[in-house]
Amino acid sequence: MAIDSFLLELLEDPVDHGPLLYLEDAGVLYNARRRVAYEVRGSIPVLLPDEARAVTDEEHDRFVGDPAARTTGRSLS
């Protein structure tokens, strides 16, 4: 299930407070600056720093190159 568009406008990384990439097919919110992914369970983002996972170089390239990725944050919608 997808994250609501209104919620996507409000989401930011809990550590650096910057925007995230939402990759619905992968089920993650991704911070390319920190190279960490936060899981989305159902339609609920799990933005807990302790549960973030590091991504491989291959995942990073796939995530940032995904044309379906959506950027979070009001100013970036």
PDB file of N, CA and C in Angstrom:
ATOM      1  N   MET A   1       0.845  -1.182   0.000  1.00  0.00           N
ATOM      2  CA  MET A   1       0.000   0.000   0.000  1.00  0.00           C
ATOM      3  C   MET A   1       0.890   1.245   0.000  1.00  0.00           C
ATOM      4  N   ALA A   2       0.543   2.228  -0.780  1.00  0.00           N
ATOM      5  CA  ALA A   2       1.331   3.446  -0.937  1.00  0.00           C
ATOM      6  C   ALA A   2       1.144   4.397   0.241  1.00  0.00           C
ATOM      7  N   ILE A   3       2.158   5.225   0.453  1.00  0.00           N
ATOM      8  CA  ILE A   3       2.073   6.275   1.466  1.00  0.00           C
ATOM      9  C   ILE A   3       1.242   7.413   0.887  1.00  0.00           C
ATOM     10  N   ASP A   4       0.360   7.958   1.690  1.00  0.00           N
ATOM     11  CA  ASP A   4      -0.490   9.073   1.303  1.00  0.00           C
ATOM     12  C   ASP A   4       0.353  10.277   0.863  1.00  0.00           C
ATOM     13  N   SER A   5      -0.062  10.957  -0.205  1.00  0.00           N
ATOM     14  CA  SER A   5       0.668  12.109  -0.734  1.00  0.00           C
ATOM     15  C   SER A   5       0.834  13.223   0.291  1.00  0.00           C
ATOM     16  N   PHE A   6      -0.195  13.458   1.100  1.00  0.00           N
ATOM     17  CA  PHE A   6      -0.097  14.487   2.136  1.00  0.00           C
ATOM     18  C   PHE A   6       1.011  14.144   3.133  1.00  0.00           C
ATOM     19  N   LEU A   7       1.073  12.877   3.529  1.00  0.00           N
ATOM     20  CA  LEU A   7       2.113  12.444   4.467  1.00  0.00           C
ATOM     21  C   LEU A   7       3.498  12.582   3.845  1.00  0.00           C
ATOM     22  N   LEU A   8       3.629  12.258   2.564  1.00  0.00           N
ATOM     23  CA  LEU A   8       4.927  12.399   1.896  1.00  0.00           C
ATOM     24  C   LEU A   8       5.443  13.834   1.963  1.00  0.00           C
ATOM     25  N   GLU A   9       4.541  14.805   1.911  1.00  0.00           N
ATOM     26  CA  GLU A   9       4.955  16.209   1.986  1.00  0.00           C
ATOM     27  C   GLU A   9       5.538  16.559   3.348  1.00  0.00           C
ATOM     28  N   LEU A  10       5.180  15.802   4.369  1.00  0.00           N
ATOM     29  CA  LEU A  10       5.626  16.104   5.733  1.00  0.00           C
ATOM     30  C   LEU A  10       6.884  15.351   6.147  1.00  0.00           C
ATOM     31  N   LEU A  11       7.194  14.272   5.457  1.00  0.00           N
ATOM     32  CA  LEU A  11       8.295  13.410   5.890  1.00  0.00           C
ATOM     33  C   LEU A  11       9.662  14.003   5.599  1.00  0.00           C
ATOM     34  N   GLU A  12      10.585  13.767   6.544  1.00  0.00           N
ATOM     35  CA  GLU A  12      11.981  14.128   6.369  1.00  0.00           C
ATOM     36  C   GLU A  12      12.817  13.123   7.144  1.00  0.00           C
ATOM     37  N   ASP A  13      14.109  13.102   6.853  1.00  0.00           N
ATOM     38  CA  ASP A  13      14.990  12.194   7.571  1.00  0.00           C
ATOM     39  C   ASP A  13      15.075  12.627   9.033  1.00  0.00           C
ATOM     40  N   PRO A  14      14.944  11.694   9.979  1.00  0.00           N
ATOM     41  CA  PRO A  14      14.959  12.073  11.382  1.00  0.00           C
ATOM     42  C   PRO A  14      16.333  12.493  11.896  1.00  0.00           C
ATOM     43  N   VAL A  15      17.386  12.210  11.146  1.00  0.00           N
ATOM     44  CA  VAL A  15      18.733  12.557  11.591  1.00  0.00           C
ATOM     45  C   VAL A  15      19.197  13.880  10.993  1.00  0.00           C
ATOM     46  N   ASP A  16      19.152  14.008   9.658  1.00  0.00           N
ATOM     47  CA  ASP A  16      19.647  15.258   9.047  1.00  0.00           C
ATOM     48  C   ASP A  16      18.533  16.203   8.606  1.00  0.00           C
ATOM     49  N   HIS A  17      17.286  15.793   8.802  1.00  0.00           N
ATOM     50  CA  HIS A  17      16.097  16.608   8.524  1.00  0.00           C
ATOM     51  C   HIS A  17      15.963  17.037   7.062  1.00  0.00           C
ATOM     52  N   GLY A  18      16.601  16.302   6.165  1.00  0.00           N
ATOM     53  CA  GLY A  18      16.488  16.585   4.748  1.00  0.00           C
ATOM     54  C   GLY A  18      15.445  15.699   4.087  1.00  0.00           C
ATOM     55  N   PRO A  19      15.187  15.939   2.807  1.00  0.00           N
ATOM     56  CA  PRO A  19      14.194  15.150   2.070  1.00  0.00           C
ATOM     57  C   PRO A  19      14.664  13.714   1.852  1.00  0.00           C
ATOM     58  N   LEU A  20      13.705  12.872   1.558  1.00  0.00           N
ATOM     59  CA  LEU A  20      13.949  11.460   1.288  1.00  0.00           C
ATOM     60  C   LEU A  20      13.396  11.108  -0.080  1.00  0.00           C
ATOM     61  N   LEU A  21      13.845   9.997  -0.619  1.00  0.00           N
ATOM     62  CA  LEU A  21      13.253   9.442  -1.834  1.00  0.00           C
ATOM     63  C   LEU A  21      12.331   8.313  -1.416  1.00  0.00           C
ATOM     64  N   TYR A  22      11.097   8.364  -1.892  1.00  0.00           N
ATOM     65  CA  TYR A  22      10.148   7.283  -1.627  1.00  0.00           C
ATOM     66  C   TYR A  22      10.138   6.362  -2.821  1.00  0.00           C
ATOM     67  N   LEU A  23      10.490   5.096  -2.572  1.00  0.00           N
ATOM     68  CA  LEU A  23      10.514   4.079  -3.606  1.00  0.00           C
ATOM     69  C   LEU A  23       9.470   3.039  -3.250  1.00  0.00           C
ATOM     70  N   GLU A  24       8.279   3.239  -3.774  1.00  0.00           N
ATOM     71  CA  GLU A  24       7.143   2.384  -3.417  1.00  0.00           C
ATOM     72  C   GLU A  24       7.411   0.926  -3.738  1.00  0.00           C
ATOM     73  N   ASP A  25       7.953   0.639  -4.911  1.00  0.00           N
ATOM     74  CA  ASP A  25       8.188  -0.755  -5.301  1.00  0.00           C
ATOM     75  C   ASP A  25       9.184  -1.451  -4.380  1.00  0.00           C
ATOM     76  N   ALA A  26      10.167  -0.705  -3.876  1.00  0.00           N
ATOM     77  CA  ALA A  26      11.168  -1.278  -2.969  1.00  0.00           C
ATOM     78  C   ALA A  26      10.693  -1.247  -1.517  1.00  0.00           C
ATOM     79  N   GLY A  27       9.663  -0.475  -1.238  1.00  0.00           N
ATOM     80  CA  GLY A  27       9.137  -0.374   0.117  1.00  0.00           C
ATOM     81  C   GLY A  27      10.065   0.353   1.071  1.00  0.00           C
ATOM     82  N   VAL A  28      10.739   1.409   0.555  1.00  0.00           N
ATOM     83  CA  VAL A  28      11.671   2.153   1.403  1.00  0.00           C
ATOM     84  C   VAL A  28      11.569   3.653   1.176  1.00  0.00           C
ATOM     85  N   LEU A  29      12.006   4.375   2.176  1.00  0.00           N
ATOM     86  CA  LEU A  29      12.313   5.798   2.069  1.00  0.00           C
ATOM     87  C   LEU A  29      13.827   5.863   2.150  1.00  0.00           C
ATOM     88  N   TYR A  30      14.462   6.522   1.189  1.00  0.00           N
ATOM     89  CA  TYR A  30      15.915   6.474   1.062  1.00  0.00           C
ATOM     90  C   TYR A  30      16.527   7.847   1.214  1.00  0.00           C
ATOM     91  N   ASN A  31      17.576   7.938   2.033  1.00  0.00           N
ATOM     92  CA  ASN A  31      18.359   9.158   2.171  1.00  0.00           C
ATOM     93  C   ASN A  31      19.676   8.935   1.437  1.00  0.00           C
ATOM     94  N   ALA A  32      19.801   9.540   0.265  1.00  0.00           N
ATOM     95  CA  ALA A  32      21.006   9.364  -0.552  1.00  0.00           C
ATOM     96  C   ALA A  32      22.214  10.067   0.062  1.00  0.00           C
ATOM     97  N   ARG A  33      21.986  11.100   0.860  1.00  0.00           N
ATOM     98  CA  ARG A  33      23.098  11.815   1.494  1.00  0.00           C
ATOM     99  C   ARG A  33      23.792  10.933   2.531  1.00  0.00           C
ATOM    100  N   ARG A  34      22.999  10.186   3.273  1.00  0.00           N
ATOM    101  CA  ARG A  34      23.535   9.324   4.327  1.00  0.00           C
ATOM    102  C   ARG A  34      23.628   7.863   3.890  1.00  0.00           C
ATOM    103  N   ARG A  35      23.050   7.558   2.725  1.00  0.00           N
ATOM    104  CA  ARG A  35      23.025   6.199   2.171  1.00  0.00           C
ATOM    105  C   ARG A  35      22.398   5.201   3.137  1.00  0.00           C
ATOM    106  N   VAL A  36      21.222   5.592   3.653  1.00  0.00           N
ATOM    107  CA  VAL A  36      20.455   4.695   4.517  1.00  0.00           C
ATOM    108  C   VAL A  36      19.028   4.601   4.005  1.00  0.00           C
ATOM    109  N   ALA A  37      18.421   3.442   4.219  1.00  0.00           N
ATOM    110  CA  ALA A  37      17.037   3.203   3.818  1.00  0.00           C
ATOM    111  C   ALA A  37      16.210   2.902   5.056  1.00  0.00           C
ATOM    112  N   TYR A  38      15.016   3.471   5.061  1.00  0.00           N
ATOM    113  CA  TYR A  38      14.043   3.222   6.116  1.00  0.00           C
ATOM    114  C   TYR A  38      12.920   2.388   5.511  1.00  0.00           C
ATOM    115  N   GLU A  39      12.548   1.336   6.193  1.00  0.00           N
ATOM    116  CA  GLU A  39      11.503   0.445   5.704  1.00  0.00           C
ATOM    117  C   GLU A  39      10.129   1.111   5.793  1.00  0.00           C
ATOM    118  N   VAL A  40       9.278   0.771   4.833  1.00  0.00           N
ATOM    119  CA  VAL A  40       7.873   1.161   4.873  1.00  0.00           C
ATOM    120  C   VAL A  40       7.091  -0.136   5.053  1.00  0.00           C
ATOM    121  N   ARG A  41       6.398  -0.242   6.177  1.00  0.00           N
ATOM    122  CA  ARG A  41       5.625  -1.447   6.487  1.00  0.00           C
ATOM    123  C   ARG A  41       4.153  -1.159   6.257  1.00  0.00           C
ATOM    124  N   GLY A  42       3.596  -1.797   5.238  1.00  0.00           N
ATOM    125  CA  GLY A  42       2.231  -1.463   4.822  1.00  0.00           C
ATOM    126  C   GLY A  42       2.289  -0.069   4.238  1.00  0.00           C
ATOM    127  N   SER A  43       1.630   0.857   4.851  1.00  0.00           N
ATOM    128  CA  SER A  43       1.732   2.254   4.410  1.00  0.00           C
ATOM    129  C   SER A  43       2.338   3.124   5.507  1.00  0.00           C
ATOM    130  N   ILE A  44       3.040   2.481   6.448  1.00  0.00           N
ATOM    131  CA  ILE A  44       3.599   3.198   7.591  1.00  0.00           C
ATOM    132  C   ILE A  44       5.117   3.259   7.487  1.00  0.00           C
ATOM    133  N   PRO A  45       5.684   4.468   7.357  1.00  0.00           N
ATOM    134  CA  PRO A  45       7.135   4.601   7.321  1.00  0.00           C
ATOM    135  C   PRO A  45       7.729   4.408   8.722  1.00  0.00           C
ATOM    136  N   VAL A  46       8.792   3.622   8.797  1.00  0.00           N
ATOM    137  CA  VAL A  46       9.471   3.373  10.066  1.00  0.00           C
ATOM    138  C   VAL A  46      10.741   4.226  10.075  1.00  0.00           C
ATOM    139  N   LEU A  47      10.603   5.457  10.546  1.00  0.00           N
ATOM    140  CA  LEU A  47      11.704   6.419  10.509  1.00  0.00           C
ATOM    141  C   LEU A  47      12.452   6.454  11.840  1.00  0.00           C
ATOM    142  N   LEU A  48      12.878   5.296  12.277  1.00  0.00           N
ATOM    143  CA  LEU A  48      13.666   5.186  13.496  1.00  0.00           C
ATOM    144  C   LEU A  48      15.137   5.018  13.109  1.00  0.00           C
ATOM    145  N   PRO A  49      16.004   5.922  13.563  1.00  0.00           N
ATOM    146  CA  PRO A  49      17.422   5.826  13.182  1.00  0.00           C
ATOM    147  C   PRO A  49      18.038   4.457  13.474  1.00  0.00           C
ATOM    148  N   ASP A  50      17.635   3.825  14.561  1.00  0.00           N
ATOM    149  CA  ASP A  50      18.190   2.511  14.903  1.00  0.00           C
ATOM    150  C   ASP A  50      17.741   1.410  13.954  1.00  0.00           C
ATOM    151  N   GLU A  51      16.673   1.640  13.215  1.00  0.00           N
ATOM    152  CA  GLU A  51      16.179   0.621  12.285  1.00  0.00           C
ATOM    153  C   GLU A  51      16.551   0.905  10.837  1.00  0.00           C
ATOM    154  N   ALA A  52      17.225   2.021  10.590  1.00  0.00           N
ATOM    155  CA  ALA A  52      17.688   2.316   9.228  1.00  0.00           C
ATOM    156  C   ALA A  52      18.769   1.312   8.849  1.00  0.00           C
ATOM    157  N   ARG A  53      18.835   1.016   7.559  1.00  0.00           N
ATOM    158  CA  ARG A  53      19.876   0.086   7.107  1.00  0.00           C
ATOM    159  C   ARG A  53      20.738   0.746   6.048  1.00  0.00           C
ATOM    160  N   ALA A  54      22.013   0.414   6.064  1.00  0.00           N
ATOM    161  CA  ALA A  54      22.928   0.894   5.032  1.00  0.00           C
ATOM    162  C   ALA A  54      22.583   0.188   3.721  1.00  0.00           C
ATOM    163  N   VAL A  55      22.827   0.861   2.607  1.00  0.00           N
ATOM    164  CA  VAL A  55      22.552   0.256   1.306  1.00  0.00           C
ATOM    165  C   VAL A  55      23.858   0.016   0.559  1.00  0.00           C
ATOM    166  N   THR A  56      23.818  -0.930  -0.342  1.00  0.00           N
ATOM    167  CA  THR A  56      24.979  -1.229  -1.174  1.00  0.00           C
ATOM    168  C   THR A  56      25.103  -0.173  -2.274  1.00  0.00           C
ATOM    169  N   ASP A  57      26.251  -0.149  -2.925  1.00  0.00           N
ATOM    170  CA  ASP A  57      26.435   0.769  -4.050  1.00  0.00           C
ATOM    171  C   ASP A  57      25.426   0.481  -5.154  1.00  0.00           C
ATOM    172  N   GLU A  58      25.122  -0.796  -5.379  1.00  0.00           N
ATOM    173  CA  GLU A  58      24.164  -1.170  -6.412  1.00  0.00           C
ATOM    174  C   GLU A  58      22.760  -0.662  -6.070  1.00  0.00           C
ATOM    175  N   GLU A  59      22.374  -0.816  -4.801  1.00  0.00           N
ATOM    176  CA  GLU A  59      21.061  -0.310  -4.378  1.00  0.00           C
ATOM    177  C   GLU A  59      21.003   1.213  -4.519  1.00  0.00           C
ATOM    178  N   HIS A  60      22.060   1.887  -4.103  1.00  0.00           N
ATOM    179  CA  HIS A  60      22.100   3.347  -4.213  1.00  0.00           C
ATOM    180  C   HIS A  60      21.872   3.777  -5.661  1.00  0.00           C
ATOM    181  N   ASP A  61      22.614   3.177  -6.580  1.00  0.00           N
ATOM    182  CA  ASP A  61      22.471   3.530  -7.997  1.00  0.00           C
ATOM    183  C   ASP A  61      21.050   3.260  -8.494  1.00  0.00           C
ATOM    184  N   ARG A  62      20.475   2.149  -8.066  1.00  0.00           N
ATOM    185  CA  ARG A  62      19.107   1.803  -8.485  1.00  0.00           C
ATOM    186  C   ARG A  62      18.090   2.781  -7.894  1.00  0.00           C
ATOM    187  N   PHE A  63      18.252   3.118  -6.626  1.00  0.00           N
ATOM    188  CA  PHE A  63      17.316   4.023  -5.963  1.00  0.00           C
ATOM    189  C   PHE A  63      17.352   5.424  -6.565  1.00  0.00           C
ATOM    190  N   VAL A  64      18.558   5.992  -6.721  1.00  0.00           N
ATOM    191  CA  VAL A  64      18.627   7.370  -7.232  1.00  0.00           C
ATOM    192  C   VAL A  64      18.292   7.446  -8.720  1.00  0.00           C
ATOM    193  N   GLY A  65      18.409   6.338  -9.424  1.00  0.00           N
ATOM    194  CA  GLY A  65      18.087   6.325 -10.847  1.00  0.00           C
ATOM    195  C   GLY A  65      16.668   5.898 -11.169  1.00  0.00           C
ATOM    196  N   ASP A  66      15.884   5.600 -10.162  1.00  0.00           N
ATOM    197  CA  ASP A  66      14.520   5.112 -10.372  1.00  0.00           C
ATOM    198  C   ASP A  66      13.604   6.271 -10.783  1.00  0.00           C
ATOM    199  N   PRO A  67      13.052   6.237 -12.001  1.00  0.00           N
ATOM    200  CA  PRO A  67      12.183   7.329 -12.449  1.00  0.00           C
ATOM    201  C   PRO A  67      10.870   7.416 -11.679  1.00  0.00           C
ATOM    202  N   ALA A  68      10.495   6.363 -10.969  1.00  0.00           N
ATOM    203  CA  ALA A  68       9.252   6.375 -10.199  1.00  0.00           C
ATOM    204  C   ALA A  68       9.453   6.907  -8.776  1.00  0.00           C
ATOM    205  N   ALA A  69      10.697   7.163  -8.383  1.00  0.00           N
ATOM    206  CA  ALA A  69      10.979   7.664  -7.030  1.00  0.00           C
ATOM    207  C   ALA A  69      10.357   9.043  -6.849  1.00  0.00           C
ATOM    208  N   ARG A  70       9.802   9.258  -5.667  1.00  0.00           N
ATOM    209  CA  ARG A  70       9.191  10.556  -5.331  1.00  0.00           C
ATOM    210  C   ARG A  70       9.966  11.170  -4.190  1.00  0.00           C
ATOM    211  N   THR A  71      10.222  12.454  -4.263  1.00  0.00           N
ATOM    212  CA  THR A  71      10.929  13.170  -3.208  1.00  0.00           C
ATOM    213  C   THR A  71       9.939  13.684  -2.180  1.00  0.00           C
ATOM    214  N   THR A  72      10.294  13.523  -0.908  1.00  0.00           N
ATOM    215  CA  THR A  72       9.427  13.989   0.169  1.00  0.00           C
ATOM    216  C   THR A  72       9.708  15.465   0.459  1.00  0.00           C
ATOM    217  N   GLY A  73       8.798  16.085   1.177  1.00  0.00           N
ATOM    218  CA  GLY A  73       8.966  17.478   1.595  1.00  0.00           C
ATOM    219  C   GLY A  73       8.101  18.421   0.775  1.00  0.00           C
ATOM    220  N   ARG A  74       7.590  19.444   1.411  1.00  0.00           N
ATOM    221  CA  ARG A  74       6.697  20.412   0.748  1.00  0.00           C
ATOM    222  C   ARG A  74       7.374  21.169  -0.372  1.00  0.00           C
ATOM    223  N   SER A  75       8.569  21.645  -0.135  1.00  0.00           N
ATOM    224  CA  SER A  75       9.226  22.489  -1.138  1.00  0.00           C
ATOM    225  C   SER A  75       9.747  21.690  -2.329  1.00  0.00           C
ATOM    226  N   LEU A  76       9.759  20.345  -2.189  1.00  0.00           N
ATOM    227  CA  LEU A  76      10.325  19.514  -3.251  1.00  0.00           C
ATOM    228  C   LEU A  76       9.273  18.678  -3.968  1.00  0.00           C
ATOM    229  N   SER A  77       8.023  18.802  -3.628  1.00  0.00           N
ATOM    230  CA  SER A  77       6.982  17.967  -4.231  1.00  0.00           C
ATOM    231  C   SER A  77       6.812  18.249  -5.699  1.00  0.00           C
TER     232      SER A  77
END
